[in-house]
Amino acid sequence: MEYLLIILKWAVKVIDKIWPIAFATFIGAWIAFQLQKHHEKKKKEAAQLAAGRKAQFTIATQLNSLKNIKKQYLDPRRDDPNRALTLTPFSVHAHFPQLDLVALDYMLEGDGAQLLNELMVSEHLFITLIGALEQRNERHELMQRRISNLGPEKALDEATIQILKDMTDSLYGLADDTIASLTNGFKKLRAYLESNFPKAKALDIKFKY
C-alpha cells in the first residue's frame, strides 16, 4: 500500500507539472486551427464574391452591347413598315464574355440555384440573338445580290420578302426579350450578392439609355 501511495504522489506531481504545458499546447493548437478555418472561410467567400462580380461584369457587357445594337441599328427602323427590306446588315465582330459556370457553382446551394438557371437562360437568349442577327445579315446580303443580278422585280418575290419579314420581326422580339432578361438577371444577382455577402458591395451599373 505504501508503495502505491508513493507512486500516486509521484504521478500527481508529474501531472501538476505536465498539465499546464499540455493544456497550453491544446489551446494553442485549437486557436491555430480556428484561425486557419477562419482564413479558409474568408478566402472561399472572397473567391465566391469575385466570381459573382465577374458574372455581373459579363452580364453588363452583354447588356451594354445589346443596347448599343438596339439604339444604333434596331430602333431607327422599328416603326418602318418595310423594315424587313430597309434594315440593312449589321455585323457584330466583338468577342463577348460568357458566364463562368464552374466559378458560380456555389450558387447551386440554397436560394441561388434558381437564379443561376435564370442567368444561364438570359445568356442563351443573348447568344441566340447574335446568331439570329448574323443569319439575317446573310439572308439580306443574299437578297441584295439577287437584286443586283436579277433586278428588284424578280429578286423580291413573295417568299423572299416573307422570310426576311419573319427573321426581322423575330430579331426585334428577341432583342426586347433579351434586354429585359439580362436587366432582370443583373438586378437579381446584385441583390443575391449583397444578401449573401453583407459586408461587401456588389457592382451597381447605371445605363444611360
C-alpha atoms as a PDB file:
ATOM      1  CA  MET A   1       0.000   0.000   0.000  1.00  0.00           C
ATOM      2  CA  GLU A   2       2.844   2.359   0.910  1.00  0.00           C
ATOM      3  CA  TYR A   3       4.378   1.682  -2.451  1.00  0.00           C
ATOM      4  CA  LEU A   4       1.133   2.605  -4.216  1.00  0.00           C
ATOM      5  CA  LEU A   5       0.873   5.859  -2.247  1.00  0.00           C
ATOM      6  CA  ILE A   6       4.398   6.787  -3.270  1.00  0.00           C
ATOM      7  CA  ILE A   7       3.542   6.127  -6.922  1.00  0.00           C
ATOM      8  CA  LEU A   8       0.306   8.098  -6.613  1.00  0.00           C
ATOM      9  CA  LYS A   9       2.075  11.111  -5.104  1.00  0.00           C
ATOM     10  CA  TRP A  10       4.701  10.928  -7.810  1.00  0.00           C
ATOM     11  CA  ALA A  11       2.003  10.782 -10.500  1.00  0.00           C
ATOM     12  CA  VAL A  12       0.216  13.805  -9.025  1.00  0.00           C
ATOM     13  CA  LYS A  13       3.432  15.813  -9.066  1.00  0.00           C
ATOM     14  CA  VAL A  14       4.118  14.828 -12.664  1.00  0.00           C
ATOM     15  CA  ILE A  15       0.564  15.707 -13.702  1.00  0.00           C
ATOM     16  CA  ASP A  16       0.801  19.053 -11.935  1.00  0.00           C
ATOM     17  CA  LYS A  17       3.878  19.832 -13.991  1.00  0.00           C
ATOM     18  CA  ILE A  18       2.638  18.410 -17.286  1.00  0.00           C
ATOM     19  CA  TRP A  19      -0.981  19.634 -17.181  1.00  0.00           C
ATOM     20  CA  PRO A  20      -0.285  23.347 -17.753  1.00  0.00           C
ATOM     21  CA  ILE A  21       2.001  22.510 -20.658  1.00  0.00           C
ATOM     22  CA  ALA A  22      -0.495  20.055 -22.182  1.00  0.00           C
ATOM     23  CA  PHE A  23      -3.375  22.478 -21.707  1.00  0.00           C
ATOM     24  CA  ALA A  24      -1.420  25.341 -23.245  1.00  0.00           C
ATOM     25  CA  THR A  25      -0.444  23.124 -26.170  1.00  0.00           C
ATOM     26  CA  PHE A  26      -4.059  22.102 -26.695  1.00  0.00           C
ATOM     27  CA  ILE A  27      -5.307  25.685 -26.523  1.00  0.00           C
ATOM     28  CA  GLY A  28      -2.595  26.830 -28.917  1.00  0.00           C
ATOM     29  CA  ALA A  29      -3.424  24.109 -31.418  1.00  0.00           C
ATOM     30  CA  TRP A  30      -7.148  24.845 -31.132  1.00  0.00           C
ATOM     31  CA  ILE A  31      -6.635  28.570 -31.696  1.00  0.00           C
ATOM     32  CA  ALA A  32      -4.365  27.887 -34.669  1.00  0.00           C
ATOM     33  CA  PHE A  33      -6.996  25.542 -36.121  1.00  0.00           C
ATOM     34  CA  GLN A  34      -9.755  28.120 -35.674  1.00  0.00           C
ATOM     35  CA  LEU A  35      -7.639  30.858 -37.257  1.00  0.00           C
ATOM     36  CA  GLN A  36      -6.839  28.638 -40.221  1.00  0.00           C
ATOM     37  CA  LYS A  37     -10.505  27.709 -40.528  1.00  0.00           C
ATOM     38  CA  HIS A  38     -11.488  31.386 -40.435  1.00  0.00           C
ATOM     39  CA  HIS A  39      -8.827  32.223 -43.028  1.00  0.00           C
ATOM     40  CA  GLU A  40     -10.021  29.472 -45.371  1.00  0.00           C
ATOM     41  CA  LYS A  41     -13.632  30.628 -44.975  1.00  0.00           C
ATOM     42  CA  LYS A  42     -12.718  34.228 -45.800  1.00  0.00           C
ATOM     43  CA  LYS A  43     -10.639  33.082 -48.761  1.00  0.00           C
ATOM     44  CA  LYS A  44     -13.556  30.992 -50.055  1.00  0.00           C
ATOM     45  CA  GLU A  45     -16.017  33.856 -49.604  1.00  0.00           C
ATOM     46  CA  ALA A  46     -13.667  36.272 -51.378  1.00  0.00           C
ATOM     47  CA  ALA A  47     -13.398  33.885 -54.340  1.00  0.00           C
ATOM     48  CA  GLN A  48     -17.164  33.467 -54.469  1.00  0.00           C
ATOM     49  CA  LEU A  49     -17.758  37.213 -54.318  1.00  0.00           C
ATOM     50  CA  ALA A  50     -15.170  37.791 -57.045  1.00  0.00           C
ATOM     51  CA  ALA A  51     -16.923  35.194 -59.228  1.00  0.00           C
ATOM     52  CA  GLY A  52     -20.239  36.946 -58.619  1.00  0.00           C
ATOM     53  CA  ARG A  53     -18.814  40.333 -59.538  1.00  0.00           C
ATOM     54  CA  LYS A  54     -17.245  38.855 -62.663  1.00  0.00           C
ATOM     55  CA  ALA A  55     -20.667  37.469 -63.603  1.00  0.00           C
ATOM     56  CA  GLN A  56     -22.118  40.948 -63.111  1.00  0.00           C
ATOM     57  CA  PHE A  57     -19.466  42.379 -65.416  1.00  0.00           C
ATOM     58  CA  THR A  58     -20.228  39.704 -68.011  1.00  0.00           C
ATOM     59  CA  ILE A  59     -23.951  40.446 -67.932  1.00  0.00           C
ATOM     60  CA  ALA A  60     -23.301  44.198 -68.045  1.00  0.00           C
ATOM     61  CA  THR A  61     -21.038  43.785 -71.088  1.00  0.00           C
ATOM     62  CA  GLN A  62     -23.641  41.720 -72.930  1.00  0.00           C
ATOM     63  CA  LEU A  63     -26.401  44.142 -71.963  1.00  0.00           C
ATOM     64  CA  ASN A  64     -24.430  47.241 -72.926  1.00  0.00           C
ATOM     65  CA  SER A  65     -23.545  45.736 -76.317  1.00  0.00           C
ATOM     66  CA  LEU A  66     -27.139  44.756 -76.973  1.00  0.00           C
ATOM     67  CA  LYS A  67     -28.445  48.195 -76.013  1.00  0.00           C
ATOM     68  CA  ASN A  68     -25.971  49.735 -78.441  1.00  0.00           C
ATOM     69  CA  ILE A  69     -27.269  47.444 -81.200  1.00  0.00           C
ATOM     70  CA  LYS A  70     -30.834  48.373 -80.291  1.00  0.00           C
ATOM     71  CA  LYS A  71     -30.134  52.116 -80.234  1.00  0.00           C
ATOM     72  CA  GLN A  72     -27.967  52.337 -83.348  1.00  0.00           C
ATOM     73  CA  TYR A  73     -29.410  49.587 -85.521  1.00  0.00           C
ATOM     74  CA  LEU A  74     -32.885  48.412 -84.487  1.00  0.00           C
ATOM     75  CA  ASP A  75     -34.705  51.432 -83.076  1.00  0.00           C
ATOM     76  CA  PRO A  76     -34.335  53.717 -86.137  1.00  0.00           C
ATOM     77  CA  ARG A  77     -36.286  51.174 -88.217  1.00  0.00           C
ATOM     78  CA  ARG A  78     -38.605  49.801 -85.516  1.00  0.00           C
ATOM     79  CA  ASP A  79     -41.756  51.509 -86.842  1.00  0.00           C
ATOM     80  CA  ASP A  80     -40.853  51.236 -90.514  1.00  0.00           C
ATOM     81  CA  PRO A  81     -43.467  49.015 -92.230  1.00  0.00           C
ATOM     82  CA  ASN A  82     -40.792  47.996 -94.758  1.00  0.00           C
ATOM     83  CA  ARG A  83     -38.105  47.276 -92.177  1.00  0.00           C
ATOM     84  CA  ALA A  84     -37.661  43.742 -93.477  1.00  0.00           C
ATOM     85  CA  LEU A  85     -36.070  45.327 -96.548  1.00  0.00           C
ATOM     86  CA  THR A  86     -34.725  48.627 -95.224  1.00  0.00           C
ATOM     87  CA  LEU A  87     -32.969  47.221 -92.136  1.00  0.00           C
ATOM     88  CA  THR A  88     -29.512  46.738 -93.610  1.00  0.00           C
ATOM     89  CA  PRO A  89     -26.969  44.163 -92.334  1.00  0.00           C
ATOM     90  CA  PHE A  90     -25.190  44.993 -89.096  1.00  0.00           C
ATOM     91  CA  SER A  91     -22.301  42.700 -88.278  1.00  0.00           C
ATOM     92  CA  VAL A  92     -21.018  42.243 -84.743  1.00  0.00           C
ATOM     93  CA  HIS A  93     -17.346  41.326 -84.634  1.00  0.00           C
ATOM     94  CA  ALA A  94     -16.763  41.791 -80.903  1.00  0.00           C
ATOM     95  CA  HIS A  95     -15.948  38.875 -78.613  1.00  0.00           C
ATOM     96  CA  PHE A  96     -18.426  38.769 -75.735  1.00  0.00           C
ATOM     97  CA  PRO A  97     -17.517  37.277 -72.343  1.00  0.00           C
ATOM     98  CA  GLN A  98     -19.595  34.387 -71.065  1.00  0.00           C
ATOM     99  CA  LEU A  99     -20.542  33.266 -67.573  1.00  0.00           C
ATOM    100  CA  ASP A 100     -18.006  31.112 -65.741  1.00  0.00           C
ATOM    101  CA  LEU A 101     -20.383  28.405 -64.538  1.00  0.00           C
ATOM    102  CA  VAL A 102     -17.646  26.477 -62.723  1.00  0.00           C
ATOM    103  CA  ALA A 103     -16.800  29.502 -60.576  1.00  0.00           C
ATOM    104  CA  LEU A 104     -20.507  30.093 -59.909  1.00  0.00           C
ATOM    105  CA  ASP A 105     -21.335  26.523 -58.873  1.00  0.00           C
ATOM    106  CA  TYR A 106     -21.531  27.644 -55.212  1.00  0.00           C
ATOM    107  CA  MET A 107     -24.845  29.267 -56.157  1.00  0.00           C
ATOM    108  CA  LEU A 108     -26.337  25.796 -56.562  1.00  0.00           C
ATOM    109  CA  GLU A 109     -26.582  25.688 -52.777  1.00  0.00           C
ATOM    110  CA  GLY A 110     -29.520  27.420 -51.145  1.00  0.00           C
ATOM    111  CA  ASP A 111     -31.574  30.060 -52.924  1.00  0.00           C
ATOM    112  CA  GLY A 112     -29.034  30.691 -55.684  1.00  0.00           C
ATOM    113  CA  ALA A 113     -29.854  27.657 -57.842  1.00  0.00           C
ATOM    114  CA  GLN A 114     -32.920  29.169 -59.486  1.00  0.00           C
ATOM    115  CA  LEU A 115     -31.106  32.443 -60.085  1.00  0.00           C
ATOM    116  CA  LEU A 116     -28.166  30.669 -61.718  1.00  0.00           C
ATOM    117  CA  ASN A 117     -30.599  28.910 -64.040  1.00  0.00           C
ATOM    118  CA  GLU A 118     -32.188  32.263 -64.952  1.00  0.00           C
ATOM    119  CA  LEU A 119     -28.763  33.754 -65.691  1.00  0.00           C
ATOM    120  CA  MET A 120     -27.960  30.816 -67.975  1.00  0.00           C
ATOM    121  CA  VAL A 121     -31.264  31.309 -69.819  1.00  0.00           C
ATOM    122  CA  SER A 122     -30.521  35.026 -70.260  1.00  0.00           C
ATOM    123  CA  GLU A 123     -27.089  34.298 -71.685  1.00  0.00           C
ATOM    124  CA  HIS A 124     -28.570  31.699 -74.031  1.00  0.00           C
ATOM    125  CA  LEU A 125     -31.021  34.334 -75.286  1.00  0.00           C
ATOM    126  CA  PHE A 126     -28.114  36.707 -75.913  1.00  0.00           C
ATOM    127  CA  ILE A 127     -26.128  34.096 -77.852  1.00  0.00           C
ATOM    128  CA  THR A 128     -29.248  33.176 -79.829  1.00  0.00           C
ATOM    129  CA  LEU A 129     -29.828  36.842 -80.664  1.00  0.00           C
ATOM    130  CA  ILE A 130     -26.309  37.336 -82.005  1.00  0.00           C
ATOM    131  CA  GLY A 131     -26.756  34.200 -84.098  1.00  0.00           C
ATOM    132  CA  ALA A 132     -30.120  35.404 -85.400  1.00  0.00           C
ATOM    133  CA  LEU A 133     -28.578  38.748 -86.310  1.00  0.00           C
ATOM    134  CA  GLU A 134     -25.816  37.093 -88.323  1.00  0.00           C
ATOM    135  CA  GLN A 135     -28.291  34.771 -90.068  1.00  0.00           C
ATOM    136  CA  ARG A 136     -30.469  37.720 -91.078  1.00  0.00           C
ATOM    137  CA  ASN A 137     -27.371  39.544 -92.344  1.00  0.00           C
ATOM    138  CA  GLU A 138     -26.606  36.622 -94.621  1.00  0.00           C
ATOM    139  CA  ARG A 139     -30.182  36.452 -95.884  1.00  0.00           C
ATOM    140  CA  HIS A 140     -30.306  40.201 -96.545  1.00  0.00           C
ATOM    141  CA  GLU A 141     -26.958  40.142 -98.368  1.00  0.00           C
ATOM    142  CA  LEU A 142     -28.224  37.249-100.483  1.00  0.00           C
ATOM    143  CA  MET A 143     -31.273  39.338-101.377  1.00  0.00           C
ATOM    144  CA  GLN A 144     -29.042  42.265-102.353  1.00  0.00           C
ATOM    145  CA  ARG A 145     -27.017  40.017-104.668  1.00  0.00           C
ATOM    146  CA  ARG A 146     -30.219  38.700-106.246  1.00  0.00           C
ATOM    147  CA  ILE A 147     -31.425  42.259-106.839  1.00  0.00           C
ATOM    148  CA  SER A 148     -28.079  43.121-108.399  1.00  0.00           C
ATOM    149  CA  ASN A 149     -28.214  40.082-110.705  1.00  0.00           C
ATOM    150  CA  LEU A 150     -31.926  39.778-111.456  1.00  0.00           C
ATOM    151  CA  GLY A 151     -33.385  43.175-110.703  1.00  0.00           C
ATOM    152  CA  PRO A 152     -35.845  44.038-107.901  1.00  0.00           C
ATOM    153  CA  GLU A 153     -38.954  42.674-109.595  1.00  0.00           C
ATOM    154  CA  LYS A 154     -37.616  39.144-109.945  1.00  0.00           C
ATOM    155  CA  ALA A 155     -35.469  39.131-106.808  1.00  0.00           C
ATOM    156  CA  LEU A 156     -38.137  40.381-104.407  1.00  0.00           C
ATOM    157  CA  ASP A 157     -40.597  37.544-104.758  1.00  0.00           C
ATOM    158  CA  GLU A 158     -43.204  36.881-102.080  1.00  0.00           C
ATOM    159  CA  ALA A 159     -41.246  34.053-100.445  1.00  0.00           C
ATOM    160  CA  THR A 160     -38.050  36.119-100.144  1.00  0.00           C
ATOM    161  CA  ILE A 161     -39.908  39.053 -98.593  1.00  0.00           C
ATOM    162  CA  GLN A 162     -41.801  36.795 -96.159  1.00  0.00           C
ATOM    163  CA  ILE A 163     -38.617  35.072 -94.997  1.00  0.00           C
ATOM    164  CA  LEU A 164     -36.924  38.415 -94.348  1.00  0.00           C
ATOM    165  CA  LYS A 165     -40.032  39.715 -92.584  1.00  0.00           C
ATOM    166  CA  ASP A 166     -40.182  36.706 -90.266  1.00  0.00           C
ATOM    167  CA  MET A 167     -36.474  36.946 -89.469  1.00  0.00           C
ATOM    168  CA  THR A 168     -36.686  40.705 -88.881  1.00  0.00           C
ATOM    169  CA  ASP A 169     -39.761  40.522 -86.640  1.00  0.00           C
ATOM    170  CA  SER A 170     -38.145  37.692 -84.684  1.00  0.00           C
ATOM    171  CA  LEU A 171     -34.967  39.758 -84.272  1.00  0.00           C
ATOM    172  CA  TYR A 172     -36.869  42.687 -82.758  1.00  0.00           C
ATOM    173  CA  GLY A 173     -38.843  40.470 -80.404  1.00  0.00           C
ATOM    174  CA  LEU A 174     -35.766  38.529 -79.330  1.00  0.00           C
ATOM    175  CA  ALA A 175     -33.814  41.735 -78.710  1.00  0.00           C
ATOM    176  CA  ASP A 176     -36.543  43.135 -76.453  1.00  0.00           C
ATOM    177  CA  ASP A 177     -36.861  39.853 -74.522  1.00  0.00           C
ATOM    178  CA  THR A 178     -33.088  39.533 -74.099  1.00  0.00           C
ATOM    179  CA  ILE A 179     -32.658  43.078 -72.797  1.00  0.00           C
ATOM    180  CA  ALA A 180     -35.442  42.530 -70.256  1.00  0.00           C
ATOM    181  CA  SER A 181     -33.994  39.172 -69.191  1.00  0.00           C
ATOM    182  CA  LEU A 182     -30.407  40.440 -68.830  1.00  0.00           C
ATOM    183  CA  THR A 183     -31.540  43.538 -66.924  1.00  0.00           C
ATOM    184  CA  ASN A 184     -33.637  41.466 -64.539  1.00  0.00           C
ATOM    185  CA  GLY A 185     -30.804  38.965 -64.075  1.00  0.00           C
ATOM    186  CA  PHE A 186     -28.301  41.713 -63.264  1.00  0.00           C
ATOM    187  CA  LYS A 187     -30.609  43.201 -60.627  1.00  0.00           C
ATOM    188  CA  LYS A 188     -31.329  39.820 -59.055  1.00  0.00           C
ATOM    189  CA  LEU A 189     -27.636  38.877 -58.978  1.00  0.00           C
ATOM    190  CA  ARG A 190     -26.787  42.182 -57.299  1.00  0.00           C
ATOM    191  CA  ALA A 191     -29.425  41.575 -54.625  1.00  0.00           C
ATOM    192  CA  TYR A 192     -28.196  37.983 -54.156  1.00  0.00           C
ATOM    193  CA  LEU A 193     -24.577  39.036 -53.669  1.00  0.00           C
ATOM    194  CA  GLU A 194     -25.439  41.794 -51.209  1.00  0.00           C
ATOM    195  CA  SER A 195     -27.646  39.385 -49.271  1.00  0.00           C
ATOM    196  CA  ASN A 196     -25.068  36.580 -49.093  1.00  0.00           C
ATOM    197  CA  PHE A 197     -22.047  38.858 -48.621  1.00  0.00           C
ATOM    198  CA  PRO A 198     -23.446  41.627 -46.366  1.00  0.00           C
ATOM    199  CA  LYS A 199     -20.120  43.368 -45.766  1.00  0.00           C
ATOM    200  CA  ALA A 200     -19.264  43.540 -49.466  1.00  0.00           C
ATOM    201  CA  LYS A 201     -20.568  45.833 -52.173  1.00  0.00           C
ATOM    202  CA  ALA A 202     -21.808  44.360 -55.426  1.00  0.00           C
ATOM    203  CA  LEU A 203     -21.428  46.208 -58.712  1.00  0.00           C
ATOM    204  CA  ASP A 204     -24.121  48.755 -59.440  1.00  0.00           C
ATOM    205  CA  ILE A 205     -24.007  49.826 -63.077  1.00  0.00           C
ATOM    206  CA  LYS A 206     -26.293  52.533 -64.408  1.00  0.00           C
ATOM    207  CA  PHE A 207     -27.113  52.590 -68.108  1.00  0.00           C
ATOM    208  CA  LYS A 208     -27.863  55.935 -69.731  1.00  0.00           C
ATOM    209  CA  TYR A 209     -30.214  54.523 -72.349  1.00  0.00           C
END
